[in-house]
Amino acid sequence: MLDLRLYMLQRLSALVMAPLTLGHIAVMIYAVQGGLSAEEILGRTQGSVFWFLFYGTFVLAVSLHAAIGLRVILHELTGLRGGGLSLAMWAIGLVLLAMGLRAVFAVTAGAP
């Protein structure tokens, strides 16, 4: 039953990631074609609740999606199962989430 729930959760995270990825790519194309510098881009994103929520949601979905996918790969490569496999999945997910949120805070709230 856990595998089915993780499967569905991974598919739902993909549904969240898809439009956010397209939005990110569209914004990057606009920024590059507009000739915006990194300073100008940060000037637009820092202090913005919208961009914080946009990229925060993206990071959360990616962390969840990747951790579940890597759980399957880890099981297939090593035969790990049970609590060890779940611990590895949670550790990977939390590390990815921490790194991603650090980047989100840097872009939307300013450098630490």
Protein backbone atom coordinates (compact mmCIF):
# COMPACT_ATOMS: atom_id res chain seq x y z
CA MET A 1 0.00 0.00 0.00
CA LEU A 2 2.90 2.36 0.74
CA ASP A 3 4.28 1.83 -2.76
CA LEU A 4 0.94 2.80 -4.31
CA ARG A 5 0.73 5.96 -2.18
CA LEU A 6 4.28 6.94 -3.08
CA TYR A 7 3.56 6.25 -6.75
CA MET A 8 0.49 8.50 -6.64
CA LEU A 9 2.36 11.18 -4.68
CA GLN A 10 5.13 11.18 -7.26
CA ARG A 11 2.61 11.56 -10.07
CA LEU A 12 0.88 14.42 -8.25
CA SER A 13 4.21 16.16 -7.69
CA ALA A 14 4.87 15.84 -11.43
CA LEU A 15 1.52 17.52 -12.11
CA VAL A 16 2.60 20.43 -9.92
CA MET A 17 6.11 20.57 -11.40
CA ALA A 18 5.06 20.63 -15.06
CA PRO A 19 3.40 24.07 -15.20
CA LEU A 20 5.98 25.54 -12.81
CA THR A 21 8.80 24.28 -15.03
CA LEU A 22 7.17 25.81 -18.09
CA GLY A 23 6.66 29.06 -16.18
CA HIS A 24 10.30 29.09 -15.10
CA ILE A 25 11.52 28.47 -18.65
CA ALA A 26 9.25 31.22 -20.02
CA VAL A 27 10.54 33.69 -17.42
CA MET A 28 14.17 32.76 -18.19
CA ILE A 29 13.62 33.22 -21.94
CA TYR A 30 11.98 36.60 -21.28
CA ALA A 31 14.86 37.66 -19.02
CA VAL A 32 17.57 36.60 -21.48
CA GLN A 33 15.85 38.14 -24.51
CA GLY A 34 15.20 41.29 -22.52
CA GLY A 35 18.89 41.52 -21.67
CA LEU A 36 18.28 41.61 -17.93
CA SER A 37 21.34 41.32 -15.71
CA ALA A 38 21.46 39.15 -12.60
CA GLU A 39 21.20 42.33 -10.53
CA GLU A 40 18.05 43.40 -12.38
CA ILE A 41 16.50 39.95 -12.00
CA LEU A 42 17.22 39.91 -8.26
CA GLY A 43 15.81 43.41 -8.00
CA ARG A 44 12.52 42.05 -9.31
CA THR A 45 12.44 38.87 -7.22
CA GLN A 46 13.68 40.06 -3.83
CA GLY A 47 10.86 40.87 -1.48
CA SER A 48 8.29 39.26 -3.76
CA VAL A 49 5.82 36.94 -2.05
CA PHE A 50 4.69 35.67 -5.47
CA TRP A 51 8.17 34.49 -6.47
CA PHE A 52 8.74 33.03 -3.01
CA LEU A 53 5.55 30.97 -3.31
CA PHE A 54 6.24 30.05 -6.95
CA TYR A 55 9.76 28.78 -6.37
CA GLY A 56 9.01 27.44 -2.88
CA THR A 57 6.23 25.27 -4.31
CA PHE A 58 8.54 24.20 -7.12
CA VAL A 59 11.30 23.20 -4.69
CA LEU A 60 8.86 21.27 -2.50
CA ALA A 61 7.47 19.36 -5.49
CA VAL A 62 10.94 18.61 -6.91
CA SER A 63 12.27 17.44 -3.54
CA LEU A 64 9.35 15.10 -3.05
CA HIS A 65 9.43 13.82 -6.63
CA ALA A 66 13.19 13.22 -6.64
CA ALA A 67 13.28 11.53 -3.23
CA ILE A 68 10.59 9.05 -4.25
CA GLY A 69 12.31 8.36 -7.57
CA LEU A 70 15.69 7.89 -5.93
CA ARG A 71 14.06 5.54 -3.39
CA VAL A 72 13.07 3.24 -6.25
CA ILE A 73 16.53 3.44 -7.83
CA LEU A 74 18.24 2.79 -4.50
CA HIS A 75 16.03 -0.26 -3.93
CA GLU A 76 16.77 -1.63 -7.41
CA LEU A 77 20.54 -1.07 -7.17
CA THR A 78 21.17 -2.14 -3.59
CA GLY A 79 18.20 -4.30 -2.61
CA LEU A 80 17.68 -2.04 0.41
CA ARG A 81 14.18 -2.25 1.82
CA GLY A 82 12.07 -1.41 4.84
CA GLY A 83 13.15 1.21 7.35
CA GLY A 84 16.58 1.76 5.81
CA LEU A 85 15.03 2.56 2.45
CA SER A 86 12.50 4.91 4.02
CA LEU A 87 15.25 6.63 6.04
CA ALA A 88 17.33 7.13 2.90
CA MET A 89 14.31 8.57 1.06
CA TRP A 90 13.55 11.02 3.88
CA ALA A 91 17.21 12.04 4.19
CA ILE A 92 17.52 12.68 0.46
CA GLY A 93 14.24 14.59 0.38
CA LEU A 94 15.16 16.78 3.35
CA VAL A 95 18.63 17.58 1.95
CA LEU A 96 17.12 18.55 -1.41
CA LEU A 97 14.43 20.62 0.31
CA ALA A 98 16.99 22.42 2.49
CA MET A 99 19.25 23.24 -0.46
CA GLY A 100 16.33 24.36 -2.60
CA LEU A 101 14.77 26.54 0.09
CA ARG A 102 18.16 28.13 0.75
CA ALA A 103 18.25 29.16 -2.91
CA VAL A 104 14.64 30.39 -2.79
CA PHE A 105 15.39 32.54 0.24
CA ALA A 106 18.54 33.91 -1.42
CA VAL A 107 16.61 34.92 -4.54
CA THR A 108 13.49 36.25 -2.86
CA ALA A 109 14.67 37.55 0.51
CA GLY A 110 18.26 38.54 -0.27
CA ALA A 111 21.58 36.91 0.54
CA PRO A 112 21.96 35.47 4.06
